[in-house]
N, C-alpha and C. Protein backbone atom coordinates (compact mmCIF):
# COMPACT_ATOMS: atom_id res chain seq x y z
N MET A 1 -2.99 -33.02 -5.08
CA MET A 1 -1.82 -32.77 -4.51
C MET A 1 -2.01 -32.68 -3.33
N ALA A 2 -0.37 -32.66 -2.65
CA ALA A 2 0.14 -33.20 -1.60
C ALA A 2 -0.60 -32.14 -0.55
N ALA A 3 -0.13 -33.10 0.78
CA ALA A 3 -1.27 -32.48 2.18
C ALA A 3 -0.73 -31.25 2.05
N VAL A 4 0.83 -30.61 2.15
CA VAL A 4 1.48 -29.23 2.06
C VAL A 4 0.91 -28.42 1.13
N GLU A 5 0.08 -28.12 0.42
CA GLU A 5 -0.87 -27.09 -0.26
C GLU A 5 -1.90 -27.69 -0.39
N GLN A 6 -2.23 -28.41 0.28
CA GLN A 6 -3.66 -28.41 0.99
C GLN A 6 -3.99 -28.23 2.11
N GLU A 7 -2.89 -28.03 2.92
CA GLU A 7 -3.13 -26.75 4.49
C GLU A 7 -1.97 -25.19 3.81
N LEU A 8 -1.72 -25.42 2.51
CA LEU A 8 -1.63 -24.32 2.10
C LEU A 8 -2.43 -24.20 1.70
N ARG A 9 -3.66 -24.22 0.51
CA ARG A 9 -4.93 -23.53 0.34
C ARG A 9 -5.65 -22.71 1.41
N ASP A 10 -5.64 -24.23 2.39
CA ASP A 10 -6.31 -23.49 3.63
C ASP A 10 -5.91 -22.52 3.85
N ALA A 11 -5.11 -22.34 4.81
CA ALA A 11 -4.38 -20.81 5.02
C ALA A 11 -4.49 -20.04 4.63
N LEU A 12 -4.30 -20.05 3.59
CA LEU A 12 -4.53 -18.72 2.28
C LEU A 12 -6.13 -18.50 2.23
N ALA A 13 -7.54 -19.44 2.24
CA ALA A 13 -8.16 -19.04 2.35
C ALA A 13 -9.04 -18.28 3.65
N ARG A 14 -8.13 -18.85 4.69
CA ARG A 14 -8.06 -17.78 5.81
C ARG A 14 -7.30 -16.76 5.84
N PHE A 15 -6.27 -16.73 4.99
CA PHE A 15 -5.84 -15.29 5.51
C PHE A 15 -6.69 -14.03 4.65
N SER A 16 -7.12 -14.52 3.32
CA SER A 16 -8.10 -13.59 2.54
C SER A 16 -8.86 -13.30 3.36
N ARG A 17 -9.83 -13.81 4.18
CA ARG A 17 -11.03 -13.99 4.38
C ARG A 17 -10.99 -13.24 5.99
N ALA A 18 -9.60 -13.34 6.54
CA ALA A 18 -9.26 -12.38 7.68
C ALA A 18 -8.51 -10.97 7.08
N ALA A 19 -8.00 -11.01 6.03
CA ALA A 19 -8.58 -9.56 5.42
C ALA A 19 -9.63 -8.63 4.88
N THR A 20 -10.65 -9.84 4.35
CA THR A 20 -11.57 -8.80 4.01
C THR A 20 -12.00 -8.49 4.95
N GLU A 21 -12.28 -9.46 6.29
CA GLU A 21 -12.77 -8.53 7.60
C GLU A 21 -12.04 -7.98 8.63
N LYS A 22 -10.86 -7.96 8.09
CA LYS A 22 -9.93 -6.88 8.57
C LYS A 22 -9.83 -7.17 9.90
N ASP A 23 -9.29 -8.18 10.21
CA ASP A 23 -9.10 -8.62 11.39
C ASP A 23 -7.86 -8.52 11.70
N ARG A 24 -7.03 -7.89 11.97
CA ARG A 24 -5.61 -7.47 11.98
C ARG A 24 -5.15 -8.79 12.80
N GLU A 25 -5.12 -10.02 14.03
CA GLU A 25 -4.92 -10.68 14.58
C GLU A 25 -5.07 -11.50 13.53
N ALA A 26 -6.44 -12.29 13.26
CA ALA A 26 -6.28 -13.43 12.26
C ALA A 26 -5.43 -13.11 10.45
N VAL A 27 -5.08 -12.07 10.13
CA VAL A 27 -4.18 -11.42 9.42
C VAL A 27 -2.75 -12.08 9.31
N ALA A 28 -2.54 -11.48 11.58
CA ALA A 28 -0.81 -11.93 11.61
C ALA A 28 -0.52 -13.66 11.46
N THR A 29 -1.61 -14.30 11.71
CA THR A 29 -2.12 -15.63 12.14
C THR A 29 -2.38 -16.70 11.11
N ALA A 30 -2.80 -16.01 10.21
CA ALA A 30 -3.09 -16.96 9.39
C ALA A 30 -1.71 -16.90 7.97
N LEU A 31 -1.00 -15.12 8.21
CA LEU A 31 0.35 -15.02 6.85
C LEU A 31 1.01 -16.32 7.87
N ALA A 32 1.63 -16.00 9.34
CA ALA A 32 2.45 -17.07 10.20
C ALA A 32 2.46 -18.63 9.53
N ARG A 33 1.32 -18.55 9.44
CA ARG A 33 0.75 -20.35 8.42
C ARG A 33 1.46 -20.41 7.08
N VAL A 34 1.16 -19.33 6.90
CA VAL A 34 1.12 -19.26 4.96
C VAL A 34 3.13 -18.94 4.87
N THR A 35 3.75 -18.72 5.76
CA THR A 35 5.30 -18.81 5.31
C THR A 35 5.67 -20.16 6.10
N GLU A 36 5.51 -20.22 7.13
CA GLU A 36 5.64 -21.84 7.52
C GLU A 36 5.26 -23.25 6.36
N LEU A 37 4.33 -22.89 5.94
CA LEU A 37 3.85 -24.07 5.35
C LEU A 37 4.58 -24.00 3.69
N GLN A 38 5.21 -22.52 3.48
CA GLN A 38 5.67 -21.98 2.11
C GLN A 38 7.29 -22.45 2.66
N GLN A 39 7.56 -22.94 3.50
CA GLN A 39 9.44 -23.42 3.61
C GLN A 39 9.40 -25.04 3.89
N ARG A 40 8.25 -25.20 3.57
CA ARG A 40 7.59 -27.17 3.86
C ARG A 40 7.07 -27.11 2.06
N LEU A 41 7.08 -26.74 1.46
CA LEU A 41 6.61 -27.11 0.22
C LEU A 41 7.49 -27.86 -0.61
N GLY A 42 7.50 -28.84 -1.00
CA GLY A 42 8.63 -30.43 -1.88
C GLY A 42 8.89 -29.55 -3.17
N PRO A 43 9.89 -29.69 -2.89
CA PRO A 43 10.56 -29.48 -4.64
C PRO A 43 9.56 -29.51 -5.84
N ASP A 44 9.08 -30.73 -5.78
CA ASP A 44 7.92 -30.55 -6.71
C ASP A 44 7.05 -30.15 -7.28
N ALA A 45 7.36 -29.40 -5.93
CA ALA A 45 5.55 -27.99 -5.71
C ALA A 45 5.94 -26.96 -7.81
N SER A 46 4.86 -26.57 -7.77
CA SER A 46 4.60 -25.58 -8.54
C SER A 46 5.67 -24.62 -9.19
N PRO A 47 6.54 -24.37 -9.73
CA PRO A 47 6.99 -22.71 -9.70
C PRO A 47 6.26 -21.80 -9.94
N MET A 48 4.94 -21.59 -10.24
CA MET A 48 4.37 -21.06 -10.58
C MET A 48 3.76 -20.51 -8.97
N LEU A 49 3.22 -21.30 -8.51
CA LEU A 49 2.32 -21.08 -6.81
C LEU A 49 4.07 -21.01 -6.06
N ARG A 50 5.42 -20.75 -6.27
CA ARG A 50 6.58 -20.94 -5.70
C ARG A 50 6.30 -19.30 -6.25
N HIS A 51 6.43 -18.73 -7.69
CA HIS A 51 6.20 -17.13 -7.66
C HIS A 51 5.44 -16.65 -6.98
N TYR A 52 3.68 -16.89 -7.02
CA TYR A 52 2.89 -16.08 -6.00
C TYR A 52 3.32 -15.83 -4.88
N LEU A 53 3.49 -16.63 -3.98
CA LEU A 53 4.41 -16.83 -2.65
C LEU A 53 5.86 -15.94 -2.43
N GLU A 54 6.30 -15.68 -3.17
CA GLU A 54 7.54 -15.36 -3.08
C GLU A 54 7.00 -13.43 -3.44
N ARG A 55 6.89 -13.75 -4.43
CA ARG A 55 5.84 -11.84 -4.33
C ARG A 55 4.62 -11.84 -3.07
N ARG A 56 4.47 -12.49 -2.84
CA ARG A 56 2.91 -12.38 -1.32
C ARG A 56 1.73 -12.47 -2.30
N SER A 57 1.90 -12.37 -3.76
CA SER A 57 0.63 -12.86 -4.49
C SER A 57 -0.11 -13.87 -4.22
N TYR A 58 -0.73 -13.60 -2.90
CA TYR A 58 -1.91 -14.48 -2.50
C TYR A 58 -2.99 -15.16 -2.72
N GLN A 59 -3.45 -13.93 -3.64
CA GLN A 59 -4.99 -14.48 -4.09
C GLN A 59 -4.95 -14.95 -5.44
N LYS A 60 -3.52 -14.86 -6.18
CA LYS A 60 -3.11 -15.73 -7.44
C LYS A 60 -2.43 -17.04 -6.28
N ALA A 61 -2.20 -17.31 -5.62
CA ALA A 61 -1.36 -18.89 -5.17
C ALA A 61 -2.91 -19.18 -4.79
N LEU A 62 -4.05 -18.76 -3.88
CA LEU A 62 -4.74 -19.59 -3.52
C LEU A 62 -5.60 -19.68 -4.86
N ASP A 63 -5.06 -19.03 -6.14
CA ASP A 63 -6.47 -19.44 -7.34
C ASP A 63 -5.71 -20.47 -7.82
N HIS A 64 -3.94 -20.86 -8.17
CA HIS A 64 -3.52 -21.67 -8.87
C HIS A 64 -4.02 -22.58 -8.18
N LEU A 65 -3.87 -23.39 -6.53
CA LEU A 65 -3.84 -24.17 -5.97
C LEU A 65 -5.97 -24.78 -6.19
N ASN A 66 -6.77 -23.82 -6.17
CA ASN A 66 -8.30 -24.11 -6.63
C ASN A 66 -8.28 -24.37 -7.65
N SER A 67 -7.38 -23.95 -8.78
CA SER A 67 -7.51 -24.18 -10.15
C SER A 67 -6.98 -25.94 -11.03
N GLY A 68 -6.10 -26.24 -9.63
CA GLY A 68 -5.57 -27.72 -9.82
C GLY A 68 -4.84 -27.90 -10.49
N ARG A 69 -4.37 -27.03 -11.39
CA ARG A 69 -3.66 -27.52 -12.40
C ARG A 69 -2.38 -27.42 -12.57
N THR A 70 -1.37 -28.22 -12.85
CA THR A 70 -0.19 -28.62 -12.46
C THR A 70 0.66 -27.90 -12.82
N GLU A 71 1.07 -27.12 -13.28
CA GLU A 71 2.04 -26.44 -14.47
C GLU A 71 4.01 -26.63 -13.59
N THR A 72 4.56 -26.77 -14.61
CA THR A 72 5.76 -26.63 -14.03
C THR A 72 6.90 -26.63 -15.06
N GLU A 73 6.70 -24.78 -15.32
CA GLU A 73 6.61 -24.22 -16.02
C GLU A 73 7.05 -22.72 -15.22
N ALA A 74 8.61 -22.19 -15.26
CA ALA A 74 8.94 -20.88 -14.35
C ALA A 74 7.80 -20.06 -14.90
N PRO A 75 7.69 -18.69 -14.06
CA PRO A 75 7.01 -17.48 -14.67
C PRO A 75 8.26 -17.39 -15.34
N SER A 76 7.10 -16.10 -16.39
CA SER A 76 7.79 -16.04 -17.79
C SER A 76 8.56 -14.16 -16.62
N ARG A 77 9.55 -13.89 -17.18
CA ARG A 77 10.49 -12.61 -16.80
C ARG A 77 9.34 -11.77 -17.21
N GLY A 78 8.74 -11.74 -18.49
CA GLY A 78 7.06 -10.50 -18.09
C GLY A 78 5.79 -10.16 -17.65
N HIS A 79 6.10 -11.84 -16.62
CA HIS A 79 5.28 -12.04 -16.13
C HIS A 79 4.49 -11.03 -14.44
N SER A 80 3.16 -10.40 -14.39
CA SER A 80 2.23 -9.95 -13.53
C SER A 80 2.44 -10.34 -12.78
N ALA A 81 3.17 -10.26 -11.15
CA ALA A 81 2.20 -10.51 -10.49
C ALA A 81 0.49 -9.51 -10.02
N GLY A 82 1.09 -8.47 -10.19
CA GLY A 82 -0.49 -7.82 -9.67
C GLY A 82 0.48 -7.28 -8.52
N ALA A 83 -0.40 -6.96 -7.35
CA ALA A 83 -0.60 -5.92 -6.09
C ALA A 83 0.04 -7.18 -5.57
N HIS A 84 1.68 -6.81 -5.28
CA HIS A 84 1.76 -7.45 -3.69
C HIS A 84 1.69 -7.79 -2.59
N GLY A 85 1.43 -8.73 -1.91
CA GLY A 85 0.78 -8.55 -0.51
C GLY A 85 -0.06 -7.55 -0.35
N GLU A 86 -1.13 -6.85 -0.89
CA GLU A 86 -1.48 -6.29 -0.17
C GLU A 86 -2.99 -7.06 0.65
N THR A 87 -2.96 -6.30 1.44
CA THR A 87 -4.19 -7.10 2.10
C THR A 87 -4.84 -6.54 2.56
N GLY A 88 -5.58 -5.33 2.29
CA GLY A 88 -7.47 -4.47 2.68
C GLY A 88 -7.26 -3.46 3.89
N LEU A 89 -5.74 -4.15 4.73
CA LEU A 89 -6.07 -3.47 5.54
C LEU A 89 -5.42 -1.84 5.56
N SER A 90 -6.17 -0.95 6.14
CA SER A 90 -5.32 0.27 6.41
C SER A 90 -4.20 -0.12 7.57
């Protein structure tokens, strides 16, 4: 796993914890970091990871990074990305 992907995994985990705790400030900070790291992903990054991030399916992106999969195939058109960007914040 590339260094940026490891940093992204950590940022996504922080985002998830902050959302669970309903800590708006921490959510905003973590989301800014996720966005920054998403822009730094190299051309060899998994198309599935890019797909999840583009659709703000952050839990799926985190699960993908934690799985250690090296999928190179793009998601199919019928792929359901689930609830986009849900944070659990009201």
